[in-house]
């Protein structure tokens, strides 16, 4: 069985049930591919075993870059390229550089983190996202389990999901066409069908 193509999807209605289910399922030796929720759930990343994100490090590097560029730009403009004495101040009035430096730091840090997140998540321009269940953007909590990454059979995993109080379970198979879905077809489908349960692909 090929990895990243054949999944068992479990649907949950309550976040407490989901948190207990993640703990129960991982304790049973089942590897969870990902969990999708319409809102943040505190402690979910800990239950899934995620390590601390490297995004703060990326933010620091992008922010430091913004600070360096801002100081270099202002020093070059006011001290070298076009030096002017304004209000009796020196060419390099460092306190006056603070507002621009601050804004440049925030600008590069925020845009840098957004870009880093998109690249890390594989959300490149004109790439359609993989949707396990559209209701994950509405009111359902969706758990995806890659069958190829687990030694248990599909029926055994379903039994564990049932014990974990999943309200719904179904198999989701992605073909090569699904994995490389047209971005424009995805947009048309999204705007015409929305996030209703009738628009989800079950095969």
N, C-alpha and C. Protein backbone atom coordinates (compact mmCIF):
# COMPACT_ATOMS: atom_id res chain seq x y z
N UNK A 1 0.84 -1.19 0.00
CA UNK A 1 0.00 0.00 0.00
C UNK A 1 0.89 1.25 0.00
N UNK A 2 0.58 2.19 -0.90
CA UNK A 2 1.38 3.40 -1.02
C UNK A 2 1.10 4.37 0.12
N UNK A 3 2.15 5.02 0.59
CA UNK A 3 1.98 6.00 1.65
C UNK A 3 1.36 7.28 1.11
N UNK A 4 0.69 7.99 2.01
CA UNK A 4 0.13 9.30 1.71
C UNK A 4 -0.97 9.25 0.65
N UNK A 5 -1.63 8.11 0.51
CA UNK A 5 -2.71 8.00 -0.47
C UNK A 5 -3.97 7.36 0.10
N UNK A 6 -3.82 6.47 1.07
CA UNK A 6 -4.96 5.72 1.59
C UNK A 6 -5.11 6.03 3.08
N UNK A 7 -6.25 6.62 3.44
CA UNK A 7 -6.45 7.10 4.80
C UNK A 7 -7.76 6.58 5.37
N UNK A 8 -7.77 6.52 6.70
CA UNK A 8 -9.00 6.28 7.43
C UNK A 8 -9.29 7.57 8.18
N UNK A 9 -10.49 8.11 7.97
CA UNK A 9 -10.86 9.41 8.52
C UNK A 9 -11.87 9.21 9.65
N UNK A 10 -11.60 9.81 10.79
CA UNK A 10 -12.51 9.78 11.93
C UNK A 10 -13.05 11.17 12.21
N UNK A 11 -14.35 11.28 12.46
CA UNK A 11 -15.00 12.55 12.71
C UNK A 11 -15.41 12.63 14.18
N UNK A 12 -15.12 13.77 14.80
CA UNK A 12 -15.49 13.99 16.20
C UNK A 12 -16.27 15.30 16.31
N UNK A 13 -17.18 15.33 17.30
CA UNK A 13 -18.02 16.52 17.49
C UNK A 13 -17.55 17.40 18.64
N UNK A 14 -16.79 16.83 19.57
CA UNK A 14 -16.41 17.56 20.78
C UNK A 14 -14.90 17.55 20.94
N UNK A 15 -14.34 18.69 21.33
CA UNK A 15 -12.88 18.78 21.45
C UNK A 15 -12.33 17.94 22.58
N UNK A 16 -13.08 17.78 23.65
CA UNK A 16 -12.62 16.92 24.74
C UNK A 16 -12.56 15.46 24.29
N UNK A 17 -13.58 15.05 23.52
CA UNK A 17 -13.56 13.69 22.96
C UNK A 17 -12.37 13.50 22.04
N UNK A 18 -12.06 14.55 21.27
CA UNK A 18 -10.93 14.46 20.34
C UNK A 18 -9.62 14.31 21.10
N UNK A 19 -9.41 15.12 22.14
CA UNK A 19 -8.17 15.05 22.91
C UNK A 19 -7.99 13.68 23.55
N UNK A 20 -9.08 13.14 24.13
CA UNK A 20 -9.00 11.81 24.73
C UNK A 20 -8.78 10.75 23.65
N UNK A 21 -9.38 10.97 22.47
CA UNK A 21 -9.22 10.01 21.37
C UNK A 21 -7.78 9.96 20.88
N UNK A 22 -7.15 11.13 20.76
CA UNK A 22 -5.75 11.18 20.32
C UNK A 22 -4.87 10.41 21.29
N UNK A 23 -5.09 10.63 22.57
CA UNK A 23 -4.30 9.93 23.59
C UNK A 23 -4.55 8.42 23.52
N UNK A 24 -5.83 8.03 23.38
CA UNK A 24 -6.19 6.61 23.34
C UNK A 24 -5.61 5.94 22.09
N UNK A 25 -5.72 6.60 20.96
CA UNK A 25 -5.27 6.03 19.68
C UNK A 25 -3.75 5.91 19.65
N UNK A 26 -3.04 6.91 20.11
CA UNK A 26 -1.58 6.83 20.14
C UNK A 26 -1.11 5.77 21.13
N UNK A 27 -1.84 5.64 22.23
CA UNK A 27 -1.49 4.61 23.22
C UNK A 27 -1.68 3.21 22.64
N UNK A 28 -2.62 3.08 21.69
CA UNK A 28 -2.86 1.80 21.05
C UNK A 28 -1.82 1.49 19.97
N UNK A 29 -0.88 2.40 19.75
CA UNK A 29 0.19 2.17 18.77
C UNK A 29 -0.14 2.62 17.37
N UNK A 30 -1.18 3.42 17.21
CA UNK A 30 -1.58 3.89 15.88
C UNK A 30 -0.97 5.27 15.64
N UNK A 31 -0.37 5.45 14.47
CA UNK A 31 0.23 6.73 14.11
C UNK A 31 -0.81 7.60 13.42
N UNK A 32 -1.00 8.79 13.94
CA UNK A 32 -1.97 9.74 13.38
C UNK A 32 -1.26 10.63 12.36
N UNK A 33 -1.83 10.70 11.16
CA UNK A 33 -1.25 11.54 10.11
C UNK A 33 -1.41 13.02 10.45
N UNK A 34 -2.64 13.43 10.75
CA UNK A 34 -2.91 14.83 11.08
C UNK A 34 -4.32 14.96 11.63
N UNK A 35 -4.54 16.04 12.36
CA UNK A 35 -5.87 16.37 12.87
C UNK A 35 -6.22 17.76 12.37
N UNK A 36 -7.43 17.93 11.86
CA UNK A 36 -7.88 19.20 11.30
C UNK A 36 -9.07 19.71 12.11
N UNK A 37 -8.98 20.94 12.57
CA UNK A 37 -10.04 21.51 13.40
C UNK A 37 -10.40 22.90 12.88
N UNK A 38 -11.65 23.33 13.06
CA UNK A 38 -12.05 24.67 12.59
C UNK A 38 -11.60 25.80 13.51
N UNK A 39 -11.04 25.44 14.66
CA UNK A 39 -10.56 26.44 15.61
C UNK A 39 -9.42 25.82 16.42
N UNK A 40 -8.54 26.65 16.99
CA UNK A 40 -7.41 26.10 17.76
C UNK A 40 -7.89 25.36 19.00
N UNK A 41 -7.24 24.25 19.31
CA UNK A 41 -7.56 23.47 20.50
C UNK A 41 -6.31 23.42 21.38
N UNK A 42 -6.42 23.99 22.55
CA UNK A 42 -5.27 24.06 23.45
C UNK A 42 -4.84 22.65 23.89
N UNK A 43 -3.56 22.37 23.74
CA UNK A 43 -3.01 21.09 24.18
C UNK A 43 -3.03 20.01 23.11
N UNK A 44 -3.64 20.29 21.95
CA UNK A 44 -3.72 19.25 20.91
C UNK A 44 -2.35 18.90 20.37
N UNK A 45 -1.50 19.91 20.16
CA UNK A 45 -0.17 19.65 19.62
C UNK A 45 0.65 18.80 20.59
N UNK A 46 0.43 18.99 21.89
CA UNK A 46 1.14 18.19 22.89
C UNK A 46 0.67 16.73 22.83
N UNK A 47 -0.65 16.53 22.69
CA UNK A 47 -1.18 15.17 22.61
C UNK A 47 -0.72 14.46 21.35
N UNK A 48 -0.52 15.22 20.28
CA UNK A 48 -0.06 14.64 19.02
C UNK A 48 1.44 14.38 19.02
N UNK A 49 2.14 14.87 20.03
CA UNK A 49 3.58 14.63 20.14
C UNK A 49 4.43 15.56 19.30
N UNK A 50 3.87 16.72 18.93
CA UNK A 50 4.64 17.66 18.14
C UNK A 50 5.74 18.31 18.99
N UNK A 51 6.89 18.52 18.38
CA UNK A 51 7.97 19.22 19.05
C UNK A 51 7.75 20.73 18.93
N UNK A 52 8.52 21.47 19.69
CA UNK A 52 8.39 22.93 19.66
C UNK A 52 8.66 23.46 18.25
N UNK A 53 7.83 24.38 17.81
CA UNK A 53 7.94 24.94 16.46
C UNK A 53 9.22 25.75 16.32
N UNK A 54 9.78 25.75 15.09
CA UNK A 54 10.96 26.56 14.82
C UNK A 54 10.56 27.95 14.30
N UNK A 55 9.26 28.27 14.29
CA UNK A 55 8.82 29.56 13.79
C UNK A 55 9.39 30.74 14.59
N UNK A 56 9.53 30.65 15.94
CA UNK A 56 10.16 31.78 16.64
C UNK A 56 11.57 32.08 16.17
N UNK A 57 12.33 31.02 15.83
CA UNK A 57 13.68 31.24 15.31
C UNK A 57 13.63 31.94 13.95
N UNK A 58 12.68 31.51 13.11
CA UNK A 58 12.51 32.16 11.81
C UNK A 58 12.12 33.62 11.99
N UNK A 59 11.22 33.88 12.95
CA UNK A 59 10.79 35.25 13.21
C UNK A 59 11.97 36.12 13.64
N UNK A 60 12.83 35.57 14.50
CA UNK A 60 14.00 36.34 14.95
C UNK A 60 14.92 36.67 13.78
N UNK A 61 15.18 35.68 12.93
CA UNK A 61 16.10 35.90 11.80
C UNK A 61 15.54 36.94 10.83
N UNK A 62 14.23 36.83 10.51
CA UNK A 62 13.64 37.81 9.61
C UNK A 62 13.59 39.20 10.25
N UNK A 63 13.28 39.24 11.56
CA UNK A 63 13.26 40.52 12.26
C UNK A 63 14.64 41.17 12.30
N UNK A 64 15.67 40.37 12.57
CA UNK A 64 17.04 40.89 12.59
C UNK A 64 17.44 41.41 11.21
N UNK A 65 16.98 40.72 10.18
CA UNK A 65 17.25 41.19 8.81
C UNK A 65 16.59 42.54 8.57
N UNK A 66 15.34 42.69 9.02
CA UNK A 66 14.64 43.97 8.86
C UNK A 66 15.33 45.09 9.61
N UNK A 67 15.80 44.80 10.82
CA UNK A 67 16.51 45.81 11.61
C UNK A 67 17.80 46.25 10.91
N UNK A 68 18.55 45.27 10.42
CA UNK A 68 19.81 45.57 9.74
C UNK A 68 19.58 46.39 8.47
N UNK A 69 18.59 45.99 7.69
CA UNK A 69 18.31 46.72 6.45
C UNK A 69 17.86 48.15 6.73
N UNK A 70 17.02 48.32 7.75
CA UNK A 70 16.52 49.66 8.06
C UNK A 70 17.65 50.59 8.50
N UNK A 71 18.52 50.12 9.39
CA UNK A 71 19.62 50.95 9.86
C UNK A 71 20.59 51.25 8.73
N UNK A 72 20.87 50.23 7.91
CA UNK A 72 21.77 50.44 6.77
C UNK A 72 21.19 51.45 5.79
N UNK A 73 19.89 51.32 5.51
CA UNK A 73 19.24 52.24 4.56
C UNK A 73 19.29 53.68 5.07
N UNK A 74 18.90 53.87 6.33
CA UNK A 74 18.85 55.24 6.86
C UNK A 74 20.24 55.84 7.00
N UNK A 75 21.21 55.01 7.40
CA UNK A 75 22.58 55.50 7.50
C UNK A 75 23.10 55.92 6.13
N UNK A 76 22.81 55.11 5.11
CA UNK A 76 23.26 55.44 3.76
C UNK A 76 22.60 56.69 3.22
N UNK A 77 21.29 56.82 3.48
CA UNK A 77 20.57 57.99 2.97
C UNK A 77 20.97 59.28 3.68
N UNK A 78 20.91 59.24 5.02
CA UNK A 78 21.10 60.47 5.79
C UNK A 78 22.56 60.80 6.08
N UNK A 79 23.43 59.77 6.05
CA UNK A 79 24.82 60.03 6.41
C UNK A 79 25.79 60.05 5.26
N UNK A 80 25.41 59.36 4.13
CA UNK A 80 26.36 59.25 3.03
C UNK A 80 25.81 59.86 1.74
N UNK A 81 24.62 59.40 1.32
CA UNK A 81 24.09 59.82 0.02
C UNK A 81 23.60 61.26 0.03
N UNK A 82 22.84 61.66 1.02
CA UNK A 82 22.26 63.01 1.03
C UNK A 82 22.25 63.54 2.47
N UNK A 83 23.41 63.83 3.03
CA UNK A 83 23.46 64.29 4.42
C UNK A 83 22.84 65.68 4.58
N UNK A 84 21.94 65.78 5.55
CA UNK A 84 21.29 67.06 5.82
C UNK A 84 21.24 67.28 7.33
N UNK A 85 21.44 68.55 7.72
CA UNK A 85 21.29 68.91 9.12
C UNK A 85 19.87 69.41 9.32
N UNK A 86 19.08 68.67 10.10
CA UNK A 86 17.69 69.01 10.33
C UNK A 86 17.52 69.37 11.80
N UNK A 87 17.11 70.61 12.06
CA UNK A 87 16.89 71.05 13.43
C UNK A 87 18.14 71.01 14.29
N UNK A 88 19.28 71.17 13.68
CA UNK A 88 20.53 71.18 14.43
C UNK A 88 21.02 69.80 14.83
N UNK A 89 20.35 68.76 14.32
CA UNK A 89 20.75 67.39 14.67
C UNK A 89 21.90 66.94 13.78
N UNK A 90 22.62 65.94 14.23
CA UNK A 90 23.72 65.39 13.43
C UNK A 90 23.18 64.60 12.25
N UNK A 91 24.08 64.26 11.34
CA UNK A 91 23.68 63.47 10.17
C UNK A 91 23.10 62.13 10.59
N UNK A 92 23.72 61.51 11.56
CA UNK A 92 23.29 60.19 12.02
C UNK A 92 22.60 60.34 13.38
N UNK A 93 21.37 60.82 13.34
CA UNK A 93 20.58 60.97 14.56
C UNK A 93 19.89 59.63 14.85
N UNK A 94 20.60 58.76 15.54
CA UNK A 94 20.14 57.38 15.78
C UNK A 94 18.74 57.31 16.40
N UNK A 95 18.40 58.14 17.41
CA UNK A 95 17.04 58.05 17.97
C UNK A 95 15.95 58.26 16.92
N UNK A 96 16.24 59.09 15.92
CA UNK A 96 15.24 59.31 14.86
C UNK A 96 15.07 58.09 13.96
N UNK A 97 16.03 57.19 14.02
CA UNK A 97 15.95 56.00 13.17
C UNK A 97 15.03 54.93 13.78
N UNK A 98 14.67 55.09 15.05
CA UNK A 98 13.94 54.04 15.76
C UNK A 98 12.59 53.70 15.11
N UNK A 99 11.72 54.68 14.78
CA UNK A 99 10.41 54.32 14.20
C UNK A 99 10.51 53.49 12.92
N UNK A 100 11.36 53.94 12.00
CA UNK A 100 11.50 53.22 10.74
C UNK A 100 12.10 51.83 10.98
N UNK A 101 13.08 51.78 11.88
CA UNK A 101 13.71 50.49 12.19
C UNK A 101 12.70 49.52 12.80
N UNK A 102 11.87 50.01 13.71
CA UNK A 102 10.84 49.18 14.34
C UNK A 102 9.86 48.65 13.29
N UNK A 103 9.36 49.52 12.44
CA UNK A 103 8.38 49.11 11.42
C UNK A 103 8.98 48.11 10.43
N UNK A 104 10.23 48.33 10.06
CA UNK A 104 10.89 47.41 9.14
C UNK A 104 11.09 46.04 9.78
N UNK A 105 11.42 46.03 11.06
CA UNK A 105 11.59 44.76 11.78
C UNK A 105 10.30 43.98 11.82
N UNK A 106 9.20 44.65 12.17
CA UNK A 106 7.89 44.00 12.25
C UNK A 106 7.45 43.53 10.88
N UNK A 107 7.66 44.35 9.86
CA UNK A 107 7.23 44.02 8.50
C UNK A 107 7.90 42.75 7.99
N UNK A 108 9.22 42.69 8.08
CA UNK A 108 9.94 41.52 7.57
C UNK A 108 9.67 40.29 8.41
N UNK A 109 9.53 40.46 9.74
CA UNK A 109 9.25 39.30 10.59
C UNK A 109 7.89 38.70 10.26
N UNK A 110 6.87 39.54 10.09
CA UNK A 110 5.53 39.03 9.82
C UNK A 110 5.45 38.39 8.44
N UNK A 111 5.93 39.06 7.42
CA UNK A 111 5.89 38.49 6.08
C UNK A 111 6.78 37.25 5.98
N UNK A 112 7.92 37.28 6.66
CA UNK A 112 8.80 36.13 6.64
C UNK A 112 8.18 34.91 7.28
N UNK A 113 7.48 35.09 8.41
CA UNK A 113 6.82 33.96 9.06
C UNK A 113 5.69 33.39 8.22
N UNK A 114 4.93 34.27 7.58
CA UNK A 114 3.85 33.80 6.71
C UNK A 114 4.42 32.97 5.57
N UNK A 115 5.47 33.48 4.92
CA UNK A 115 6.09 32.75 3.82
C UNK A 115 6.68 31.43 4.27
N UNK A 116 7.35 31.44 5.44
CA UNK A 116 7.94 30.21 5.98
C UNK A 116 6.87 29.17 6.27
N UNK A 117 5.75 29.62 6.84
CA UNK A 117 4.65 28.71 7.16
C UNK A 117 4.09 28.08 5.89
N UNK A 118 3.86 28.88 4.86
CA UNK A 118 3.30 28.34 3.61
C UNK A 118 4.24 27.32 2.98
N UNK A 119 5.54 27.63 2.98
CA UNK A 119 6.51 26.70 2.39
C UNK A 119 6.58 25.41 3.21
N UNK A 120 6.60 25.53 4.54
CA UNK A 120 6.69 24.36 5.41
C UNK A 120 5.47 23.46 5.27
N UNK A 121 4.30 24.05 5.05
CA UNK A 121 3.07 23.29 4.92
C UNK A 121 2.77 22.84 3.49
N UNK A 122 3.68 23.17 2.56
CA UNK A 122 3.48 22.77 1.17
C UNK A 122 2.38 23.55 0.48
N UNK A 123 2.06 24.73 0.99
CA UNK A 123 0.99 25.55 0.42
C UNK A 123 1.59 26.56 -0.54
N UNK A 124 2.07 26.04 -1.66
CA UNK A 124 2.69 26.89 -2.66
C UNK A 124 1.63 27.58 -3.52
N UNK A 125 1.97 28.66 -4.20
CA UNK A 125 1.00 29.34 -5.05
C UNK A 125 0.39 28.39 -6.09
N UNK A 126 -0.90 28.52 -6.31
CA UNK A 126 -1.65 27.74 -7.29
C UNK A 126 -1.65 26.24 -6.98
N UNK A 127 -1.50 25.90 -5.70
CA UNK A 127 -1.58 24.50 -5.27
C UNK A 127 -2.85 24.31 -4.48
N UNK A 128 -3.66 23.36 -4.90
CA UNK A 128 -4.92 23.10 -4.20
C UNK A 128 -4.64 22.32 -2.92
N UNK A 129 -5.23 22.71 -1.81
CA UNK A 129 -5.02 21.97 -0.55
C UNK A 129 -5.70 20.62 -0.59
N UNK A 130 -5.14 19.66 0.13
CA UNK A 130 -5.77 18.35 0.25
C UNK A 130 -6.85 18.42 1.32
N UNK A 131 -8.07 18.08 0.94
CA UNK A 131 -9.20 18.17 1.85
C UNK A 131 -9.67 16.77 2.23
N UNK A 132 -9.56 16.46 3.50
CA UNK A 132 -10.07 15.17 3.97
C UNK A 132 -11.58 15.25 4.21
N UNK A 133 -12.04 16.38 4.69
CA UNK A 133 -13.47 16.58 4.92
C UNK A 133 -13.70 18.08 5.03
N UNK A 134 -14.57 18.61 4.20
CA UNK A 134 -14.80 20.06 4.19
C UNK A 134 -15.40 20.55 5.51
N UNK A 135 -16.03 19.68 6.24
CA UNK A 135 -16.65 20.10 7.50
C UNK A 135 -15.62 20.49 8.55
N UNK A 136 -14.35 20.20 8.30
CA UNK A 136 -13.28 20.63 9.21
C UNK A 136 -13.14 22.14 9.23
N UNK A 137 -13.68 22.83 8.23
CA UNK A 137 -13.67 24.29 8.20
C UNK A 137 -14.96 24.86 8.76
N UNK A 138 -15.84 23.99 9.25
CA UNK A 138 -17.14 24.44 9.74
C UNK A 138 -17.34 24.07 11.21
N UNK A 139 -17.69 22.81 11.48
CA UNK A 139 -18.03 22.46 12.86
C UNK A 139 -17.58 21.06 13.28
N UNK A 140 -16.77 20.39 12.46
CA UNK A 140 -16.34 19.03 12.79
C UNK A 140 -14.83 18.98 13.03
N UNK A 141 -14.43 18.02 13.86
CA UNK A 141 -13.01 17.78 14.15
C UNK A 141 -12.61 16.50 13.42
N UNK A 142 -11.62 16.60 12.54
CA UNK A 142 -11.30 15.53 11.61
C UNK A 142 -9.92 14.96 11.91
N UNK A 143 -9.86 13.64 12.05
CA UNK A 143 -8.59 12.95 12.26
C UNK A 143 -8.30 12.06 11.06
N UNK A 144 -7.10 12.18 10.50
CA UNK A 144 -6.69 11.37 9.36
C UNK A 144 -5.58 10.41 9.77
N UNK A 145 -5.75 9.14 9.42
CA UNK A 145 -4.77 8.11 9.75
C UNK A 145 -4.31 7.45 8.46
N UNK A 146 -3.02 7.53 8.19
CA UNK A 146 -2.45 6.92 6.98
C UNK A 146 -2.35 5.41 7.20
N UNK A 147 -3.10 4.65 6.41
CA UNK A 147 -3.14 3.20 6.59
C UNK A 147 -1.78 2.57 6.30
N UNK A 148 -1.01 3.16 5.39
CA UNK A 148 0.28 2.59 5.02
C UNK A 148 1.32 2.75 6.13
N UNK A 149 1.10 3.68 7.04
CA UNK A 149 2.06 3.93 8.12
C UNK A 149 1.77 3.14 9.38
N UNK A 150 0.73 2.30 9.33
CA UNK A 150 0.33 1.54 10.50
C UNK A 150 0.28 0.05 10.18
N UNK A 151 0.69 -0.75 11.16
CA UNK A 151 0.71 -2.20 10.97
C UNK A 151 -0.68 -2.81 11.19
N UNK A 152 -1.56 -2.09 11.87
CA UNK A 152 -2.91 -2.60 12.11
C UNK A 152 -3.73 -2.57 10.84
N UNK A 153 -4.71 -3.45 10.77
CA UNK A 153 -5.61 -3.48 9.61
C UNK A 153 -6.61 -2.34 9.72
N UNK A 154 -7.30 -2.09 8.61
CA UNK A 154 -8.31 -1.04 8.61
C UNK A 154 -9.41 -1.32 9.62
N UNK A 155 -9.86 -2.55 9.71
CA UNK A 155 -10.92 -2.90 10.66
C UNK A 155 -10.47 -2.72 12.10
N UNK A 156 -9.22 -3.06 12.39
CA UNK A 156 -8.70 -2.88 13.74
C UNK A 156 -8.64 -1.40 14.12
N UNK A 157 -8.21 -0.57 13.17
CA UNK A 157 -8.15 0.87 13.44
C UNK A 157 -9.55 1.43 13.63
N UNK A 158 -10.50 0.96 12.82
CA UNK A 158 -11.89 1.40 12.98
C UNK A 158 -12.42 1.05 14.36
N UNK A 159 -12.05 -0.13 14.86
CA UNK A 159 -12.51 -0.55 16.18
C UNK A 159 -11.95 0.38 17.26
N UNK A 160 -10.68 0.79 17.11
CA UNK A 160 -10.08 1.70 18.07
C UNK A 160 -10.75 3.07 18.00
N UNK A 161 -11.03 3.53 16.78
CA UNK A 161 -11.72 4.81 16.61
C UNK A 161 -13.11 4.78 17.25
N UNK A 162 -13.78 3.66 17.11
CA UNK A 162 -15.10 3.52 17.71
C UNK A 162 -15.01 3.57 19.23
N UNK A 163 -13.98 2.91 19.79
CA UNK A 163 -13.77 2.97 21.23
C UNK A 163 -13.48 4.39 21.69
N UNK A 164 -12.86 5.18 20.79
CA UNK A 164 -12.50 6.56 21.12
C UNK A 164 -13.66 7.53 20.87
N UNK A 165 -14.85 7.00 20.60
CA UNK A 165 -16.06 7.80 20.45
C UNK A 165 -16.08 8.66 19.18
N UNK A 166 -15.52 8.13 18.09
CA UNK A 166 -15.66 8.81 16.81
C UNK A 166 -17.11 8.68 16.34
N UNK A 167 -17.71 9.79 15.93
CA UNK A 167 -19.11 9.76 15.51
C UNK A 167 -19.28 9.24 14.09
N UNK A 168 -18.18 9.25 13.33
CA UNK A 168 -18.25 8.81 11.93
C UNK A 168 -16.87 8.37 11.49
N UNK A 169 -16.81 7.35 10.65
CA UNK A 169 -15.54 6.85 10.11
C UNK A 169 -15.73 6.48 8.65
N UNK A 170 -14.77 6.77 7.83
CA UNK A 170 -14.82 6.33 6.44
C UNK A 170 -13.41 6.33 5.86
N UNK A 171 -13.25 5.58 4.81
CA UNK A 171 -11.95 5.50 4.13
C UNK A 171 -11.88 6.57 3.05
N UNK A 172 -10.72 7.16 2.93
CA UNK A 172 -10.49 8.22 1.94
C UNK A 172 -9.26 7.86 1.12
N UNK A 173 -9.44 7.63 -0.17
CA UNK A 173 -8.34 7.27 -1.07
C UNK A 173 -8.08 8.44 -2.01
N UNK A 174 -6.82 8.84 -2.10
CA UNK A 174 -6.42 9.91 -3.00
C UNK A 174 -5.72 9.32 -4.21
N UNK A 175 -6.20 9.64 -5.39
CA UNK A 175 -5.54 9.22 -6.62
C UNK A 175 -4.48 10.26 -6.98
N UNK A 176 -3.69 9.96 -8.01
CA UNK A 176 -2.69 10.93 -8.45
C UNK A 176 -3.36 12.22 -8.90
N UNK A 177 -4.54 12.10 -9.49
CA UNK A 177 -5.26 13.29 -9.94
C UNK A 177 -5.70 14.13 -8.74
N UNK A 178 -6.15 13.46 -7.66
CA UNK A 178 -6.55 14.18 -6.46
C UNK A 178 -5.35 14.88 -5.82
N UNK A 179 -4.19 14.22 -5.87
CA UNK A 179 -2.98 14.79 -5.26
C UNK A 179 -2.45 15.98 -6.04
N UNK A 180 -2.84 16.10 -7.30
CA UNK A 180 -2.40 17.21 -8.13
C UNK A 180 -3.61 17.93 -8.71
N UNK A 181 -4.56 18.19 -7.84
CA UNK A 181 -5.80 18.82 -8.26
C UNK A 181 -5.55 20.23 -8.79
N UNK A 182 -6.31 20.61 -9.82
CA UNK A 182 -6.18 21.95 -10.38
C UNK A 182 -6.63 22.99 -9.36
N UNK A 183 -5.82 24.01 -9.18
CA UNK A 183 -6.16 25.05 -8.21
C UNK A 183 -7.44 25.77 -8.61
N UNK A 184 -7.62 26.00 -9.90
CA UNK A 184 -8.80 26.72 -10.37
C UNK A 184 -10.05 25.86 -10.24
N UNK A 185 -9.92 24.55 -10.48
CA UNK A 185 -11.06 23.65 -10.27
C UNK A 185 -11.43 23.61 -8.80
N UNK A 186 -10.42 23.66 -7.95
CA UNK A 186 -10.67 23.68 -6.51
C UNK A 186 -11.44 24.93 -6.11
N UNK A 187 -11.06 26.10 -6.67
CA UNK A 187 -11.76 27.33 -6.34
C UNK A 187 -13.21 27.30 -6.80
N UNK A 188 -13.44 26.80 -8.02
CA UNK A 188 -14.81 26.70 -8.53
C UNK A 188 -15.63 25.81 -7.63
N UNK A 189 -15.07 24.65 -7.25
CA UNK A 189 -15.78 23.71 -6.39
C UNK A 189 -16.05 24.32 -5.01
N UNK A 190 -15.10 25.09 -4.50
CA UNK A 190 -15.25 25.69 -3.18
C UNK A 190 -16.36 26.73 -3.17
N UNK A 191 -16.40 27.57 -4.22
CA UNK A 191 -17.40 28.64 -4.26
C UNK A 191 -18.79 28.14 -4.64
N UNK A 192 -18.86 27.04 -5.37
CA UNK A 192 -20.18 26.52 -5.77
C UNK A 192 -20.77 25.60 -4.72
N UNK A 193 -19.91 24.84 -4.01
CA UNK A 193 -20.41 23.88 -3.03
C UNK A 193 -20.17 24.30 -1.59
N UNK A 194 -19.26 25.24 -1.38
CA UNK A 194 -19.00 25.72 -0.04
C UNK A 194 -18.41 24.64 0.85
N UNK A 195 -18.72 24.71 2.12
CA UNK A 195 -18.16 23.77 3.09
C UNK A 195 -19.23 22.82 3.61
N UNK A 196 -20.28 22.62 2.84
CA UNK A 196 -21.35 21.72 3.27
C UNK A 196 -20.89 20.27 3.21
N UNK A 197 -21.53 19.42 3.99
CA UNK A 197 -21.13 18.00 4.03
C UNK A 197 -21.39 17.31 2.71
N UNK A 198 -22.31 17.82 1.91
CA UNK A 198 -22.61 17.18 0.64
C UNK A 198 -21.50 17.37 -0.38
N UNK A 199 -20.58 18.31 -0.11
CA UNK A 199 -19.52 18.59 -1.07
C UNK A 199 -18.25 17.80 -0.81
N UNK A 200 -18.20 16.98 0.24
CA UNK A 200 -16.99 16.25 0.53
C UNK A 200 -16.84 15.02 -0.37
N UNK A 201 -15.61 14.71 -0.69
CA UNK A 201 -15.33 13.54 -1.52
C UNK A 201 -15.06 12.34 -0.64
N UNK A 202 -15.82 11.31 -0.83
CA UNK A 202 -15.68 10.14 0.01
C UNK A 202 -14.88 9.04 -0.67
N UNK A 203 -14.42 9.23 -1.88
CA UNK A 203 -13.65 8.20 -2.57
C UNK A 203 -12.54 8.83 -3.38
